[in-house]
Amino acid sequence: MSSQDEQFPAAAAPEPAAASADEGMTWWYRWLCRIAGVIGGLSCATAGLWNCVTINPLNIAAGVWMMLNAFILFLCEAPFCCQFIEFANAVSARADRLRAWQKAAFYCGMAVFPVMLSLTLTTLFGNAIAFATGVLYGLSALGKKGDAISYARIHQQQKQMDEEKLTGTLEGQA
């Protein structure tokens, strides 16, 4: 071990939780998800505020829930927007340790609830980008697409097995 590794042990070896969370996500896709989360938070906050300007109690409840969604999206995806809140970095670090499918389920469920409370265009369009953020995380949970060479090899093996089965049945009939 070098003297620099002894001075900074945390920089020498990455955390296994952070490495597993980033597994399968490229840097640009991670940024795309974060940007979608911030834009989703903005749309939730704007539509939630607009939804609260009514006398219908379900619309007010959906609007408050949408503003809560916006706060959670900002807290998880862009903690620098909440820098004056003491626990923002701790919540963001915990959210970064979640797996992609857990974030997807949380964000999609969080976006569907206000729509179920009050089905209006404001709630639909306000939660659409927050739901899309969950979909992006869900797609990253599926993993990388395979390369063409491995698919061609699998297809060739399948074709060869089909031919062997066909010749085996023809020989059995003769």
Protein backbone atom coordinates (compact mmCIF):
# COMPACT_ATOMS: atom_id res chain seq x y z
CA MET A 1 0.00 0.00 0.00
CA SER A 2 1.33 3.41 -0.86
CA SER A 3 1.41 6.29 1.56
CA GLN A 4 -1.38 8.00 -0.37
CA ASP A 5 -3.63 4.93 0.03
CA GLU A 6 -2.91 4.91 3.76
CA GLN A 7 -3.84 8.59 4.04
CA PHE A 8 -7.05 8.27 2.03
CA PRO A 9 -8.40 4.73 2.45
CA ALA A 10 -11.88 5.70 1.30
CA ALA A 11 -10.55 6.98 -2.02
CA ALA A 12 -8.48 3.84 -2.60
CA ALA A 13 -11.38 1.40 -2.73
CA PRO A 14 -14.90 2.31 -3.83
CA GLU A 15 -17.79 1.28 -1.63
CA PRO A 16 -19.44 -1.96 -2.73
CA ALA A 17 -22.92 -0.45 -2.32
CA ALA A 18 -22.08 2.46 -4.61
CA ALA A 19 -20.48 0.13 -7.15
CA SER A 20 -23.53 -2.14 -7.26
CA ALA A 21 -25.89 0.83 -7.59
CA ASP A 22 -23.99 2.16 -10.61
CA GLU A 23 -23.73 -1.25 -12.20
CA GLY A 24 -25.33 -1.27 -15.63
CA MET A 25 -25.91 2.49 -15.79
CA THR A 26 -23.69 4.66 -17.93
CA TRP A 27 -22.82 8.14 -16.76
CA TRP A 28 -25.05 9.83 -19.34
CA TYR A 29 -28.04 7.63 -18.44
CA ARG A 30 -27.54 8.40 -14.76
CA TRP A 31 -27.54 12.13 -15.60
CA LEU A 32 -30.61 11.67 -17.79
CA CYS A 33 -32.44 10.11 -14.86
CA ARG A 34 -31.35 12.90 -12.53
CA ILE A 35 -32.37 15.63 -14.98
CA ALA A 36 -35.72 13.92 -15.54
CA GLY A 37 -36.15 13.82 -11.76
CA VAL A 38 -35.48 17.54 -11.42
CA ILE A 39 -37.80 18.42 -14.31
CA GLY A 40 -40.40 16.06 -12.85
CA GLY A 41 -40.07 17.83 -9.52
CA LEU A 42 -40.58 21.20 -11.19
CA SER A 43 -43.66 19.99 -13.05
CA CYS A 44 -45.09 18.39 -9.89
CA ALA A 45 -44.53 21.55 -7.88
CA THR A 46 -46.06 23.83 -10.51
CA ALA A 47 -49.05 21.61 -11.20
CA GLY A 48 -49.52 20.93 -7.49
CA LEU A 49 -49.64 24.61 -6.69
CA TRP A 50 -52.08 25.17 -9.54
CA ASN A 51 -54.17 22.24 -8.33
CA CYS A 52 -54.46 23.76 -4.84
CA VAL A 53 -56.22 26.86 -6.21
CA THR A 54 -59.70 25.34 -6.04
CA ILE A 55 -62.48 24.57 -3.62
CA ASN A 56 -62.61 20.81 -4.32
CA PRO A 57 -60.96 19.04 -1.36
CA LEU A 58 -59.71 16.11 -3.48
CA ASN A 59 -57.95 18.52 -5.83
CA ILE A 60 -56.35 20.25 -2.86
CA ALA A 61 -55.21 16.91 -1.43
CA ALA A 62 -53.79 15.87 -4.81
CA GLY A 63 -52.03 19.22 -5.13
CA VAL A 64 -50.46 18.93 -1.70
CA TRP A 65 -49.35 15.38 -2.49
CA MET A 66 -47.84 16.60 -5.77
CA MET A 67 -45.86 19.28 -3.96
CA LEU A 68 -44.66 16.61 -1.51
CA ASN A 69 -43.62 14.52 -4.53
CA ALA A 70 -41.69 17.48 -5.89
CA PHE A 71 -39.90 17.92 -2.57
CA ILE A 72 -38.97 14.23 -2.44
CA LEU A 73 -37.75 14.27 -6.05
CA PHE A 74 -35.58 17.31 -5.35
CA LEU A 75 -34.30 15.73 -2.14
CA CYS A 76 -33.36 12.44 -3.81
CA GLU A 77 -32.18 13.58 -7.23
CA ALA A 78 -30.81 17.07 -6.63
CA PRO A 79 -29.84 17.62 -2.99
CA PHE A 80 -28.05 20.84 -3.92
CA CYS A 81 -31.51 22.38 -4.43
CA CYS A 82 -32.22 21.66 -0.74
CA GLN A 83 -28.86 22.72 0.66
CA PHE A 84 -30.38 24.57 3.62
CA ILE A 85 -32.11 21.43 4.87
CA GLU A 86 -29.84 19.60 7.28
CA PHE A 87 -30.81 16.04 6.37
CA ALA A 88 -30.80 16.54 2.57
CA ASN A 89 -27.41 14.92 1.95
CA ALA A 90 -28.23 11.95 4.18
CA VAL A 91 -31.50 11.31 2.35
CA SER A 92 -29.77 11.68 -1.02
CA ALA A 93 -27.03 9.24 -0.01
CA ARG A 94 -29.62 6.72 1.13
CA ALA A 95 -31.58 7.16 -2.12
CA ASP A 96 -28.39 6.61 -4.13
CA ARG A 97 -27.91 3.26 -2.37
CA LEU A 98 -31.32 2.04 -3.52
CA ARG A 99 -31.45 -0.29 -6.49
CA ALA A 100 -32.88 1.02 -9.75
CA TRP A 101 -36.04 -1.09 -9.55
CA GLN A 102 -36.72 0.21 -6.02
CA LYS A 103 -36.43 3.81 -7.22
CA ALA A 104 -38.64 2.97 -10.18
CA ALA A 105 -41.37 1.49 -8.01
CA PHE A 106 -41.16 4.37 -5.53
CA TYR A 107 -41.27 7.15 -8.14
CA CYS A 108 -44.03 5.54 -10.21
CA GLY A 109 -46.15 4.80 -7.16
CA MET A 110 -45.56 8.29 -5.84
CA ALA A 111 -46.71 9.77 -9.17
CA VAL A 112 -49.80 7.57 -9.54
CA PHE A 113 -51.32 8.37 -6.14
CA PRO A 114 -52.38 12.00 -6.89
CA VAL A 115 -53.88 10.88 -10.20
CA MET A 116 -55.99 8.34 -8.33
CA LEU A 117 -57.08 11.03 -5.88
CA SER A 118 -58.17 13.50 -8.53
CA LEU A 119 -58.16 12.54 -12.18
CA THR A 120 -57.70 15.88 -13.94
CA LEU A 121 -55.43 17.08 -16.72
CA THR A 122 -53.39 19.04 -14.20
CA THR A 123 -52.58 15.96 -12.15
CA LEU A 124 -51.95 13.85 -15.25
CA PHE A 125 -49.56 16.30 -16.89
CA GLY A 126 -47.98 17.33 -13.60
CA ASN A 127 -47.07 13.77 -12.67
CA ALA A 128 -46.17 12.56 -16.16
CA ILE A 129 -42.50 13.49 -15.96
CA ALA A 130 -42.17 12.15 -12.42
CA PHE A 131 -43.67 8.88 -13.66
CA ALA A 132 -41.29 8.97 -16.63
CA THR A 133 -38.38 9.24 -14.19
CA GLY A 134 -39.57 6.04 -12.56
CA VAL A 135 -39.84 4.42 -15.98
CA LEU A 136 -36.26 5.45 -16.80
CA TYR A 137 -35.02 3.87 -13.58
CA GLY A 138 -37.11 0.79 -14.35
CA LEU A 139 -35.52 0.47 -17.77
CA SER A 140 -32.07 0.68 -16.23
CA ALA A 141 -33.04 -2.11 -13.84
CA LEU A 142 -33.63 -4.39 -16.82
CA GLY A 143 -29.94 -4.26 -17.65
CA LYS A 144 -27.88 -3.80 -20.75
CA LYS A 145 -28.92 -5.11 -24.09
CA GLY A 146 -26.86 -8.02 -25.33
CA ASP A 147 -24.49 -7.74 -28.25
CA ALA A 148 -25.31 -9.00 -31.72
CA ILE A 149 -22.62 -11.69 -31.70
CA SER A 150 -24.04 -13.51 -28.69
CA TYR A 151 -27.56 -13.29 -30.13
CA ALA A 152 -26.32 -14.70 -33.45
CA ARG A 153 -24.54 -17.53 -31.62
CA ILE A 154 -27.70 -18.38 -29.64
CA HIS A 155 -29.77 -18.24 -32.83
CA GLN A 156 -27.27 -20.54 -34.61
CA GLN A 157 -27.36 -23.03 -31.72
CA GLN A 158 -31.16 -22.98 -31.70
CA LYS A 159 -31.25 -23.53 -35.47
CA GLN A 160 -28.79 -26.42 -35.16
CA MET A 161 -30.86 -28.03 -32.37
CA ASP A 162 -34.02 -27.70 -34.48
CA GLU A 163 -32.28 -29.37 -37.43
CA GLU A 164 -31.05 -32.22 -35.19
CA LYS A 165 -34.57 -32.76 -33.85
CA LEU A 166 -35.98 -32.73 -37.35
CA THR A 167 -33.43 -35.25 -38.66
CA GLY A 168 -33.96 -37.39 -35.58
CA THR A 169 -37.70 -37.62 -36.21
CA LEU A 170 -37.19 -38.31 -39.90
CA GLU A 171 -34.74 -41.13 -39.14
CA GLY A 172 -37.17 -42.54 -36.58
CA GLN A 173 -39.95 -42.67 -39.22
CA ALA A 174 -37.83 -44.48 -41.84
